[in-house]
Amino acid sequence: MIFRSVSALLLAISLSVGSFLQAEDPPETALPTLSDDARNAASKGLTDFRNDKFEDAKSEFQKMTELAPKHPMAWANLGSAEFRLGEIPQAEDHLKKAVHLDPSVQQAWLTLGIIDYQKNDLYAGLAALSQAVYLDPQDPKAHLYLGVLIRKRGWLEGAEDEMRKAVELDEEYAEAHFNLAVLYLERQPPAIELARRHYYRALKLGAEHDDELDRVLKKADAN
């Protein structure tokens, strides 16, 4: 039973900037100290990123990499801006540079996992997203994206576990509810009531109606 492609949800993600370097953050012990100019570039870049001005954000993060070439978050921020601009090869290169400098940069692993998924490199994606979940087990996005990838590998039980964890961490996560609805309808036999509950919750949270899901649930009501 195939519904709207779940992979489409990954193409329109909204990356959290919570893990980005904030200008007011104290320098981490093992990381290079940032100059005032580098911190200023980070702050401006974050503001631009939050306002969906990704070209401007990219420009500021490029300045940051020039001013602090050994700081992993400079490369992670630059790669994330490039990802949002669709500049995938550059984004991948810079995100890999970030995790080379510091393997604990969760944001970079998360975005690398999504890139791997889009390239259909499922083994690399599984490794990257598993690392993202390990580094921040409280990140609902990491759990959802890992669940979507596991689903593509054909392991529905594992996918359900990850998607349910995403909902537990953020009950208002519309994408996680929608994906759970799809997953429950893929069960044999389909778990109609569980699917209905999560689909309607997703709609209430702002997800768009899906013609196939609507049809299947309406047909179930008629039987």
C-alpha atoms as a PDB file:
ATOM      1  CA  MET A   1       0.000   0.000   0.000  1.00  0.00           C
ATOM      2  CA  ILE A   2       1.739   3.178  -1.187  1.00  0.00           C
ATOM      3  CA  PHE A   3       0.715   6.686  -0.197  1.00  0.00           C
ATOM      4  CA  ARG A   4       2.282  10.068  -0.792  1.00  0.00           C
ATOM      5  CA  SER A   5       6.024   9.553  -0.839  1.00  0.00           C
ATOM      6  CA  VAL A   6       7.359   9.918   2.674  1.00  0.00           C
ATOM      7  CA  SER A   7      10.701  10.907   1.190  1.00  0.00           C
ATOM      8  CA  ALA A   8       9.064  14.129   0.007  1.00  0.00           C
ATOM      9  CA  LEU A   9       8.892  15.198   3.637  1.00  0.00           C
ATOM     10  CA  LEU A  10      12.679  15.160   3.789  1.00  0.00           C
ATOM     11  CA  LEU A  11      12.965  17.481   0.820  1.00  0.00           C
ATOM     12  CA  ALA A  12      11.133  20.250   2.632  1.00  0.00           C
ATOM     13  CA  ILE A  13      12.601  19.996   6.106  1.00  0.00           C
ATOM     14  CA  SER A  14      13.017  22.974   8.353  1.00  0.00           C
ATOM     15  CA  LEU A  15      16.358  22.561  10.083  1.00  0.00           C
ATOM     16  CA  SER A  16      16.453  23.637  13.687  1.00  0.00           C
ATOM     17  CA  VAL A  17      19.031  26.312  14.402  1.00  0.00           C
ATOM     18  CA  GLY A  18      19.143  25.429  18.071  1.00  0.00           C
ATOM     19  CA  SER A  19      22.447  23.607  17.681  1.00  0.00           C
ATOM     20  CA  PHE A  20      24.097  26.442  15.752  1.00  0.00           C
ATOM     21  CA  LEU A  21      26.808  28.448  17.416  1.00  0.00           C
ATOM     22  CA  GLN A  22      25.278  31.483  19.122  1.00  0.00           C
ATOM     23  CA  ALA A  23      27.305  34.679  19.281  1.00  0.00           C
ATOM     24  CA  GLU A  24      26.778  34.944  23.035  1.00  0.00           C
ATOM     25  CA  ASP A  25      27.876  31.354  23.723  1.00  0.00           C
ATOM     26  CA  PRO A  26      31.130  30.988  25.652  1.00  0.00           C
ATOM     27  CA  PRO A  27      33.818  29.214  23.650  1.00  0.00           C
ATOM     28  CA  GLU A  28      33.856  25.448  24.294  1.00  0.00           C
ATOM     29  CA  THR A  29      36.953  24.222  26.067  1.00  0.00           C
ATOM     30  CA  ALA A  30      38.459  22.180  23.258  1.00  0.00           C
ATOM     31  CA  LEU A  31      37.490  24.575  20.462  1.00  0.00           C
ATOM     32  CA  PRO A  32      39.394  27.569  19.114  1.00  0.00           C
ATOM     33  CA  THR A  33      38.519  30.903  20.679  1.00  0.00           C
ATOM     34  CA  LEU A  34      36.503  33.065  18.313  1.00  0.00           C
ATOM     35  CA  SER A  35      37.435  36.654  17.578  1.00  0.00           C
ATOM     36  CA  ASP A  36      34.798  39.358  17.906  1.00  0.00           C
ATOM     37  CA  ASP A  37      34.533  39.523  14.112  1.00  0.00           C
ATOM     38  CA  ALA A  38      33.917  35.771  13.864  1.00  0.00           C
ATOM     39  CA  ARG A  39      31.254  35.886  16.569  1.00  0.00           C
ATOM     40  CA  ASN A  40      29.627  38.840  14.838  1.00  0.00           C
ATOM     41  CA  ALA A  41      29.526  36.901  11.550  1.00  0.00           C
ATOM     42  CA  ALA A  42      27.976  33.919  13.372  1.00  0.00           C
ATOM     43  CA  SER A  43      25.307  36.128  14.932  1.00  0.00           C
ATOM     44  CA  LYS A  44      24.401  37.829  11.643  1.00  0.00           C
ATOM     45  CA  GLY A  45      24.362  34.480   9.840  1.00  0.00           C
ATOM     46  CA  LEU A  46      21.981  32.979  12.393  1.00  0.00           C
ATOM     47  CA  THR A  47      19.625  35.943  12.087  1.00  0.00           C
ATOM     48  CA  ASP A  48      19.621  35.646   8.295  1.00  0.00           C
ATOM     49  CA  PHE A  49      19.089  31.876   8.487  1.00  0.00           C
ATOM     50  CA  ARG A  50      16.103  32.261  10.809  1.00  0.00           C
ATOM     51  CA  ASN A  51      14.614  34.776   8.377  1.00  0.00           C
ATOM     52  CA  ASP A  52      15.092  32.387   5.424  1.00  0.00           C
ATOM     53  CA  LYS A  53      17.740  34.656   3.901  1.00  0.00           C
ATOM     54  CA  PHE A  54      19.989  31.738   3.054  1.00  0.00           C
ATOM     55  CA  GLU A  55      22.258  33.546   0.576  1.00  0.00           C
ATOM     56  CA  ASP A  56      22.995  36.205   3.189  1.00  0.00           C
ATOM     57  CA  ALA A  57      23.474  33.532   5.850  1.00  0.00           C
ATOM     58  CA  LYS A  58      25.885  31.676   3.583  1.00  0.00           C
ATOM     59  CA  SER A  59      27.904  34.854   3.054  1.00  0.00           C
ATOM     60  CA  GLU A  60      28.221  35.446   6.805  1.00  0.00           C
ATOM     61  CA  PHE A  61      29.138  31.827   7.513  1.00  0.00           C
ATOM     62  CA  GLN A  62      31.779  31.952   4.779  1.00  0.00           C
ATOM     63  CA  LYS A  63      33.301  34.924   6.604  1.00  0.00           C
ATOM     64  CA  MET A  64      33.216  32.839   9.778  1.00  0.00           C
ATOM     65  CA  THR A  65      35.158  29.999   8.117  1.00  0.00           C
ATOM     66  CA  GLU A  66      37.782  32.485   6.927  1.00  0.00           C
ATOM     67  CA  LEU A  67      38.104  33.996  10.400  1.00  0.00           C
ATOM     68  CA  ALA A  68      37.935  30.665  12.283  1.00  0.00           C
ATOM     69  CA  PRO A  69      38.909  27.882   9.851  1.00  0.00           C
ATOM     70  CA  LYS A  70      39.484  25.370  12.662  1.00  0.00           C
ATOM     71  CA  HIS A  71      36.092  25.884  14.315  1.00  0.00           C
ATOM     72  CA  PRO A  72      33.689  23.029  13.413  1.00  0.00           C
ATOM     73  CA  MET A  73      30.508  25.076  13.813  1.00  0.00           C
ATOM     74  CA  ALA A  74      31.703  27.546  11.174  1.00  0.00           C
ATOM     75  CA  TRP A  75      31.702  24.711   8.613  1.00  0.00           C
ATOM     76  CA  ALA A  76      28.528  23.130   9.981  1.00  0.00           C
ATOM     77  CA  ASN A  77      26.650  26.425   9.712  1.00  0.00           C
ATOM     78  CA  LEU A  78      27.969  27.047   6.208  1.00  0.00           C
ATOM     79  CA  GLY A  79      27.011  23.538   5.112  1.00  0.00           C
ATOM     80  CA  SER A  80      23.513  23.916   6.539  1.00  0.00           C
ATOM     81  CA  ALA A  81      22.958  27.190   4.652  1.00  0.00           C
ATOM     82  CA  GLU A  82      24.227  25.594   1.435  1.00  0.00           C
ATOM     83  CA  PHE A  83      21.907  22.635   1.991  1.00  0.00           C
ATOM     84  CA  ARG A  84      18.933  24.988   2.189  1.00  0.00           C
ATOM     85  CA  LEU A  85      20.091  26.620  -1.053  1.00  0.00           C
ATOM     86  CA  GLY A  86      20.224  23.242  -2.786  1.00  0.00           C
ATOM     87  CA  GLU A  87      24.008  23.371  -3.127  1.00  0.00           C
ATOM     88  CA  ILE A  88      24.344  19.759  -2.085  1.00  0.00           C
ATOM     89  CA  PRO A  89      27.946  18.867  -3.102  1.00  0.00           C
ATOM     90  CA  GLN A  90      29.320  21.969  -1.343  1.00  0.00           C
ATOM     91  CA  ALA A  91      27.108  21.359   1.696  1.00  0.00           C
ATOM     92  CA  GLU A  92      28.249  17.747   1.982  1.00  0.00           C
ATOM     93  CA  ASP A  93      31.905  18.731   1.693  1.00  0.00           C
ATOM     94  CA  HIS A  94      31.640  21.399   4.400  1.00  0.00           C
ATOM     95  CA  LEU A  95      29.542  19.250   6.751  1.00  0.00           C
ATOM     96  CA  LYS A  96      32.123  16.468   6.484  1.00  0.00           C
ATOM     97  CA  LYS A  97      34.816  19.022   7.322  1.00  0.00           C
ATOM     98  CA  ALA A  98      32.827  19.958  10.438  1.00  0.00           C
ATOM     99  CA  VAL A  99      32.613  16.362  11.727  1.00  0.00           C
ATOM    100  CA  HIS A 100      36.279  15.817  10.873  1.00  0.00           C
ATOM    101  CA  LEU A 101      37.143  18.746  13.140  1.00  0.00           C
ATOM    102  CA  ASP A 102      34.689  17.625  15.824  1.00  0.00           C
ATOM    103  CA  PRO A 103      32.806  14.293  15.555  1.00  0.00           C
ATOM    104  CA  SER A 104      30.300  15.485  18.174  1.00  0.00           C
ATOM    105  CA  VAL A 105      28.661  18.154  15.944  1.00  0.00           C
ATOM    106  CA  GLN A 106      25.170  16.618  15.895  1.00  0.00           C
ATOM    107  CA  GLN A 107      23.693  19.164  13.481  1.00  0.00           C
ATOM    108  CA  ALA A 108      26.216  18.182  10.801  1.00  0.00           C
ATOM    109  CA  TRP A 109      25.529  14.444  11.173  1.00  0.00           C
ATOM    110  CA  LEU A 110      21.784  15.083  10.913  1.00  0.00           C
ATOM    111  CA  THR A 111      22.080  17.023   7.666  1.00  0.00           C
ATOM    112  CA  LEU A 112      24.603  14.558   6.226  1.00  0.00           C
ATOM    113  CA  GLY A 113      22.137  11.761   6.924  1.00  0.00           C
ATOM    114  CA  ILE A 114      19.411  13.587   5.010  1.00  0.00           C
ATOM    115  CA  ILE A 115      21.783  14.171   2.083  1.00  0.00           C
ATOM    116  CA  ASP A 116      22.702  10.475   2.066  1.00  0.00           C
ATOM    117  CA  TYR A 117      18.999   9.584   2.059  1.00  0.00           C
ATOM    118  CA  GLN A 118      18.359  11.842  -0.908  1.00  0.00           C
ATOM    119  CA  LYS A 119      21.295  10.214  -2.730  1.00  0.00           C
ATOM    120  CA  ASN A 120      19.800   6.802  -1.886  1.00  0.00           C
ATOM    121  CA  ASP A 121      22.990   5.935   0.007  1.00  0.00           C
ATOM    122  CA  LEU A 122      21.062   4.202   2.770  1.00  0.00           C
ATOM    123  CA  TYR A 123      24.030   2.650   4.588  1.00  0.00           C
ATOM    124  CA  ALA A 124      25.808   5.996   4.937  1.00  0.00           C
ATOM    125  CA  GLY A 125      22.527   7.650   5.889  1.00  0.00           C
ATOM    126  CA  LEU A 126      21.843   5.050   8.552  1.00  0.00           C
ATOM    127  CA  ALA A 127      25.300   5.610  10.039  1.00  0.00           C
ATOM    128  CA  ALA A 128      24.974   9.415  10.010  1.00  0.00           C
ATOM    129  CA  LEU A 129      21.445   9.538  11.429  1.00  0.00           C
ATOM    130  CA  SER A 130      22.239   6.915  14.070  1.00  0.00           C
ATOM    131  CA  GLN A 131      25.138   9.134  15.133  1.00  0.00           C
ATOM    132  CA  ALA A 132      22.812  12.158  15.248  1.00  0.00           C
ATOM    133  CA  VAL A 133      20.391  10.248  17.513  1.00  0.00           C
ATOM    134  CA  TYR A 134      23.259   9.035  19.698  1.00  0.00           C
ATOM    135  CA  LEU A 135      24.636  12.561  20.126  1.00  0.00           C
ATOM    136  CA  ASP A 136      21.225  14.079  20.894  1.00  0.00           C
ATOM    137  CA  PRO A 137      18.626  11.450  21.845  1.00  0.00           C
ATOM    138  CA  GLN A 138      16.184  14.263  22.653  1.00  0.00           C
ATOM    139  CA  ASP A 139      16.074  15.550  19.060  1.00  0.00           C
ATOM    140  CA  PRO A 140      12.716  14.530  17.503  1.00  0.00           C
ATOM    141  CA  LYS A 141      13.881  15.383  13.973  1.00  0.00           C
ATOM    142  CA  ALA A 142      16.775  12.940  14.215  1.00  0.00           C
ATOM    143  CA  HIS A 143      14.420  10.170  15.332  1.00  0.00           C
ATOM    144  CA  LEU A 144      11.916  10.904  12.566  1.00  0.00           C
ATOM    145  CA  TYR A 145      14.499  11.005   9.780  1.00  0.00           C
ATOM    146  CA  LEU A 146      16.104   7.815  11.089  1.00  0.00           C
ATOM    147  CA  GLY A 147      12.657   6.205  11.120  1.00  0.00           C
ATOM    148  CA  VAL A 148      11.970   7.307   7.538  1.00  0.00           C
ATOM    149  CA  LEU A 149      15.290   5.830   6.400  1.00  0.00           C
ATOM    150  CA  ILE A 150      14.708   2.573   8.290  1.00  0.00           C
ATOM    151  CA  ARG A 151      11.266   2.348   6.695  1.00  0.00           C
ATOM    152  CA  LYS A 152      12.877   2.595   3.258  1.00  0.00           C
ATOM    153  CA  ARG A 153      15.124  -0.313   4.256  1.00  0.00           C
ATOM    154  CA  GLY A 154      11.926  -2.295   4.873  1.00  0.00           C
ATOM    155  CA  TRP A 155      12.118  -2.563   8.683  1.00  0.00           C
ATOM    156  CA  LEU A 156       8.662  -1.284   9.664  1.00  0.00           C
ATOM    157  CA  GLU A 157       8.911  -2.176  13.354  1.00  0.00           C
ATOM    158  CA  GLY A 158      12.139  -0.228  13.805  1.00  0.00           C
ATOM    159  CA  ALA A 159      10.735   2.682  11.816  1.00  0.00           C
ATOM    160  CA  GLU A 160       7.665   2.770  14.055  1.00  0.00           C
ATOM    161  CA  ASP A 161       9.839   2.835  17.186  1.00  0.00           C
ATOM    162  CA  GLU A 162      11.787   5.867  15.920  1.00  0.00           C
ATOM    163  CA  MET A 163       8.694   7.756  14.739  1.00  0.00           C
ATOM    164  CA  ARG A 164       6.866   7.101  18.000  1.00  0.00           C
ATOM    165  CA  LYS A 165       9.909   8.449  19.857  1.00  0.00           C
ATOM    166  CA  ALA A 166       9.750  11.610  17.724  1.00  0.00           C
ATOM    167  CA  VAL A 167       6.099  12.104  18.742  1.00  0.00           C
ATOM    168  CA  GLU A 168       6.891  11.424  22.402  1.00  0.00           C
ATOM    169  CA  LEU A 169       9.575  14.101  22.309  1.00  0.00           C
ATOM    170  CA  ASP A 170       7.387  16.607  20.430  1.00  0.00           C
ATOM    171  CA  GLU A 171       3.668  15.895  20.512  1.00  0.00           C
ATOM    172  CA  GLU A 172       3.064  18.768  18.083  1.00  0.00           C
ATOM    173  CA  TYR A 173       5.373  17.402  15.377  1.00  0.00           C
ATOM    174  CA  ALA A 174       3.007  17.175  12.395  1.00  0.00           C
ATOM    175  CA  GLU A 175       5.440  15.324  10.111  1.00  0.00           C
ATOM    176  CA  ALA A 176       5.963  12.591  12.698  1.00  0.00           C
ATOM    177  CA  HIS A 177       2.216  12.095  13.122  1.00  0.00           C
ATOM    178  CA  PHE A 178       1.717  11.953   9.353  1.00  0.00           C
ATOM    179  CA  ASN A 179       4.493   9.396   8.901  1.00  0.00           C
ATOM    180  CA  LEU A 180       3.082   7.254  11.697  1.00  0.00           C
ATOM    181  CA  ALA A 181      -0.318   7.316   9.981  1.00  0.00           C
ATOM    182  CA  VAL A 182       1.278   6.080   6.753  1.00  0.00           C
ATOM    183  CA  LEU A 183       3.168   3.397   8.641  1.00  0.00           C
ATOM    184  CA  TYR A 184       0.083   2.119  10.449  1.00  0.00           C
ATOM    185  CA  LEU A 185      -1.731   1.748   7.138  1.00  0.00           C
ATOM    186  CA  GLU A 186       1.191  -0.305   5.823  1.00  0.00           C
ATOM    187  CA  ARG A 187       0.733  -2.874   8.565  1.00  0.00           C
ATOM    188  CA  GLN A 188      -0.804  -6.217   7.621  1.00  0.00           C
ATOM    189  CA  PRO A 189      -3.619  -5.907   8.486  1.00  0.00           C
ATOM    190  CA  PRO A 190      -3.674  -2.080   8.547  1.00  0.00           C
ATOM    191  CA  ALA A 191      -4.084  -0.427  11.969  1.00  0.00           C
ATOM    192  CA  ILE A 192      -6.903   1.834  10.811  1.00  0.00           C
ATOM    193  CA  GLU A 193      -7.739   3.542  14.098  1.00  0.00           C
ATOM    194  CA  LEU A 194      -4.103   4.289  14.955  1.00  0.00           C
ATOM    195  CA  ALA A 195      -3.602   5.667  11.446  1.00  0.00           C
ATOM    196  CA  ARG A 196      -6.720   7.793  11.736  1.00  0.00           C
ATOM    197  CA  ARG A 197      -5.647   9.198  15.106  1.00  0.00           C
ATOM    198  CA  HIS A 198      -2.221  10.288  13.896  1.00  0.00           C
ATOM    199  CA  TYR A 199      -3.428  11.529  10.497  1.00  0.00           C
ATOM    200  CA  TYR A 200      -6.099  13.743  12.043  1.00  0.00           C
ATOM    201  CA  ARG A 201      -3.594  15.008  14.593  1.00  0.00           C
ATOM    202  CA  ALA A 202      -1.206  15.873  11.748  1.00  0.00           C
ATOM    203  CA  LEU A 203      -3.995  17.767   9.962  1.00  0.00           C
ATOM    204  CA  LYS A 204      -4.832  19.677  13.129  1.00  0.00           C
ATOM    205  CA  LEU A 205      -1.162  20.658  13.406  1.00  0.00           C
ATOM    206  CA  GLY A 206      -1.098  22.051   9.864  1.00  0.00           C
ATOM    207  CA  ALA A 207      -0.312  19.103   7.577  1.00  0.00           C
ATOM    208  CA  GLU A 208      -2.065  19.062   4.197  1.00  0.00           C
ATOM    209  CA  HIS A 209      -4.784  16.572   3.344  1.00  0.00           C
ATOM    210  CA  ASP A 210      -3.556  13.509   1.476  1.00  0.00           C
ATOM    211  CA  ASP A 211      -6.017  12.167  -1.130  1.00  0.00           C
ATOM    212  CA  GLU A 212      -4.978   8.540  -0.714  1.00  0.00           C
ATOM    213  CA  LEU A 213      -5.103   8.606   3.071  1.00  0.00           C
ATOM    214  CA  ASP A 214      -8.501  10.302   2.935  1.00  0.00           C
ATOM    215  CA  ARG A 215      -9.758   7.639   0.502  1.00  0.00           C
ATOM    216  CA  VAL A 216      -8.506   4.693   2.574  1.00  0.00           C
ATOM    217  CA  LEU A 217      -9.960   6.034   5.834  1.00  0.00           C
ATOM    218  CA  LYS A 218     -13.280   6.901   4.188  1.00  0.00           C
ATOM    219  CA  LYS A 219     -13.475   3.399   2.720  1.00  0.00           C
ATOM    220  CA  ALA A 220     -12.767   1.919   6.166  1.00  0.00           C
ATOM    221  CA  ASP A 221     -15.641   3.959   7.615  1.00  0.00           C
ATOM    222  CA  ALA A 222     -18.003   2.571   4.977  1.00  0.00           C
ATOM    223  CA  ASN A 223     -17.169  -1.070   5.764  1.00  0.00           C
END
